[in-house]
Amino acid sequence: MTEPIATELLDREVAVFTRYLIGTTASAYICACYRDGHSTIPYRGLGTTTKFDPMLLTIARTGQAGVRLADAYARWFLPSGVLRQKLVLLLAILENAPTSSAATTRATLGSRTAVLAKICGATASGVAAIVAGLLILGPLHLVTTLVMPKHPSLDTHD
């Protein structure tokens, strides 16, 4: 098992990832649950990280554009990677927390045309993120995998 990750790093992740997933800030309760849940996240016990995982996490931690790009890329090229595990953990917490459960289960409201427009917009945005991720992160992933001798720690502030 790896050493505990710095609290401020996990708090940064939960802040950025919560804003990305549900568009709000994380409560103290959400932060505490994320820190607690993080101690049993699968990658920490199984040693299933790749050389690219630390770089992908660093990009995701930078903010909304970074996490959007990293998640879109990871969805197709590292679906069971560290970033996706962290997002799934947080989403499970958000779905069950009293302060955020409504935000994870609310329906898109409006006329059929408005709902269809929102779906089309979200689809276009997702496709754009995947293409951008492929163009930006694909070469980094390839170089990282081929050139780096070992993967750096996931638990740093890089």
Protein backbone atom coordinates (compact mmCIF):
# COMPACT_ATOMS: atom_id res chain seq x y z
CA MET A 1 0.00 0.00 0.00
CA THR A 2 1.28 3.47 -0.79
CA GLU A 3 1.70 6.30 1.68
CA PRO A 4 -1.22 8.63 2.41
CA ILE A 5 -1.73 11.44 -0.06
CA ALA A 6 -1.47 15.00 1.21
CA THR A 7 -4.81 16.38 2.38
CA GLU A 8 -4.41 19.60 0.38
CA LEU A 9 -3.89 17.61 -2.83
CA LEU A 10 -7.05 15.57 -2.24
CA ASP A 11 -8.98 18.73 -1.37
CA ARG A 12 -7.81 20.29 -4.64
CA GLU A 13 -8.99 17.21 -6.53
CA VAL A 14 -12.37 17.14 -4.86
CA ALA A 15 -12.88 20.87 -5.53
CA VAL A 16 -12.02 20.64 -9.23
CA PHE A 17 -13.75 17.31 -9.81
CA THR A 18 -16.97 18.32 -7.98
CA ARG A 19 -17.24 21.50 -10.04
CA TYR A 20 -16.72 19.38 -13.17
CA LEU A 21 -19.24 16.68 -12.24
CA ILE A 22 -22.11 18.72 -10.81
CA GLY A 23 -21.16 22.37 -11.21
CA THR A 24 -21.02 23.28 -7.52
CA THR A 25 -18.48 23.53 -4.76
CA ALA A 26 -17.76 20.58 -2.50
CA SER A 27 -18.91 20.74 1.10
CA ALA A 28 -16.65 19.84 4.02
CA TYR A 29 -18.58 16.57 4.28
CA ILE A 30 -17.85 15.70 0.63
CA CYS A 31 -14.15 16.48 1.14
CA ALA A 32 -13.98 14.30 4.24
CA CYS A 33 -15.74 11.40 2.50
CA TYR A 34 -13.43 11.68 -0.50
CA ARG A 35 -10.34 11.61 1.73
CA ASP A 36 -11.71 8.60 3.61
CA GLY A 37 -12.78 6.75 0.47
CA HIS A 38 -9.49 7.47 -1.22
CA SER A 39 -7.65 5.22 1.22
CA THR A 40 -9.39 2.17 -0.28
CA ILE A 41 -9.49 3.17 -3.95
CA PRO A 42 -8.46 0.14 -6.06
CA TYR A 43 -5.32 1.53 -7.73
CA ARG A 44 -3.68 2.12 -4.34
CA GLY A 45 -3.89 -1.52 -3.33
CA LEU A 46 -3.48 -3.21 -6.70
CA GLY A 47 -0.57 -1.26 -8.15
CA THR A 48 -2.36 -0.87 -11.48
CA THR A 49 -1.06 2.56 -12.37
CA THR A 50 0.52 3.38 -15.71
CA LYS A 51 3.39 5.73 -16.50
CA PHE A 52 0.86 8.21 -17.89
CA ASP A 53 -1.47 8.33 -14.86
CA PRO A 54 0.54 10.98 -12.92
CA MET A 55 0.62 13.30 -15.94
CA LEU A 56 -3.09 12.83 -16.58
CA LEU A 57 -3.88 13.61 -12.93
CA THR A 58 -1.70 16.71 -13.03
CA ILE A 59 -3.61 17.95 -16.07
CA ALA A 60 -6.98 17.11 -14.47
CA ARG A 61 -6.08 18.99 -11.27
CA THR A 62 -5.44 22.24 -13.17
CA GLY A 63 -9.11 23.16 -13.50
CA GLN A 64 -12.26 22.65 -15.53
CA ALA A 65 -10.66 22.58 -18.96
CA GLY A 66 -7.95 20.21 -17.76
CA VAL A 67 -10.31 17.75 -16.10
CA ARG A 68 -12.68 17.82 -19.09
CA LEU A 69 -9.84 17.06 -21.49
CA ALA A 70 -8.27 14.41 -19.24
CA ASP A 71 -11.60 12.68 -18.55
CA ALA A 72 -12.59 12.59 -22.21
CA TYR A 73 -9.24 11.04 -23.11
CA ALA A 74 -9.22 8.62 -20.17
CA ARG A 75 -12.75 7.44 -21.00
CA TRP A 76 -11.48 5.90 -24.24
CA PHE A 77 -7.82 5.15 -23.58
CA LEU A 78 -7.59 4.52 -19.79
CA PRO A 79 -11.15 3.57 -18.78
CA SER A 80 -10.06 1.85 -15.56
CA GLY A 81 -7.18 4.23 -14.88
CA VAL A 82 -6.56 6.28 -11.78
CA LEU A 83 -8.42 9.41 -12.93
CA ARG A 84 -11.55 7.45 -13.79
CA GLN A 85 -11.40 5.61 -10.44
CA LYS A 86 -11.18 8.93 -8.62
CA LEU A 87 -14.10 10.40 -10.58
CA VAL A 88 -16.26 7.32 -9.95
CA LEU A 89 -15.45 7.44 -6.23
CA LEU A 90 -16.42 11.10 -6.05
CA LEU A 91 -19.58 10.62 -8.10
CA ALA A 92 -20.69 7.82 -5.73
CA ILE A 93 -20.13 10.17 -2.79
CA LEU A 94 -21.98 13.02 -4.51
CA GLU A 95 -24.96 10.78 -5.35
CA ASN A 96 -25.32 9.78 -1.71
CA ALA A 97 -24.48 13.01 0.11
CA PRO A 98 -27.47 14.98 1.40
CA THR A 99 -26.15 18.28 0.01
CA SER A 100 -25.51 17.07 -3.54
CA SER A 101 -27.72 14.07 -4.30
CA ALA A 102 -30.34 16.21 -6.04
CA ALA A 103 -27.71 17.66 -8.38
CA THR A 104 -26.71 14.19 -9.56
CA THR A 105 -30.25 12.96 -10.21
CA ARG A 106 -32.07 15.98 -11.59
CA ALA A 107 -33.59 15.77 -15.03
CA THR A 108 -33.03 18.24 -17.83
CA LEU A 109 -36.12 20.41 -17.95
CA GLY A 110 -37.68 22.35 -20.78
CA SER A 111 -39.53 21.87 -24.02
CA ARG A 112 -38.59 19.00 -26.31
CA THR A 113 -36.70 21.42 -28.50
CA ALA A 114 -34.76 22.86 -25.56
CA VAL A 115 -33.91 19.41 -24.20
CA LEU A 116 -32.82 18.24 -27.66
CA ALA A 117 -30.67 21.36 -28.04
CA LYS A 118 -29.02 20.67 -24.66
CA ILE A 119 -28.36 17.04 -25.63
CA CYS A 120 -26.89 18.09 -28.99
CA GLY A 121 -24.73 20.71 -27.28
CA ALA A 122 -23.46 18.22 -24.72
CA THR A 123 -22.73 15.69 -27.47
CA ALA A 124 -20.83 18.24 -29.55
CA SER A 125 -18.89 19.35 -26.49
CA GLY A 126 -18.02 15.74 -25.65
CA VAL A 127 -16.84 14.98 -29.18
CA ALA A 128 -14.73 18.14 -29.19
CA ALA A 129 -13.16 17.15 -25.86
CA ILE A 130 -12.34 13.67 -27.16
CA VAL A 131 -10.74 15.05 -30.33
CA ALA A 132 -8.77 17.67 -28.38
CA GLY A 133 -7.72 15.02 -25.86
CA LEU A 134 -6.55 12.73 -28.63
CA LEU A 135 -4.57 15.51 -30.31
CA ILE A 136 -3.03 16.91 -27.11
CA LEU A 137 -2.81 13.97 -24.74
CA GLY A 138 -2.33 11.15 -27.26
CA PRO A 139 1.24 12.16 -28.16
CA LEU A 140 2.06 12.77 -24.46
CA HIS A 141 0.71 9.33 -23.59
CA LEU A 142 2.79 7.72 -26.33
CA VAL A 143 6.00 9.53 -25.35
CA THR A 144 5.42 8.90 -21.65
CA THR A 145 4.87 5.21 -22.24
CA LEU A 146 7.84 4.76 -24.57
CA VAL A 147 10.42 7.09 -23.02
CA MET A 148 9.89 7.28 -19.27
CA PRO A 149 11.74 4.50 -17.42
CA LYS A 150 9.24 4.28 -14.55
CA HIS A 151 6.17 6.11 -13.43
CA PRO A 152 6.54 8.88 -10.85
CA SER A 153 4.45 8.97 -7.73
CA LEU A 154 0.77 9.80 -8.08
CA ASP A 155 0.89 11.41 -4.68
CA THR A 156 2.93 14.50 -5.54
CA HIS A 157 1.97 18.10 -6.25
CA ASP A 158 3.27 18.05 -9.84
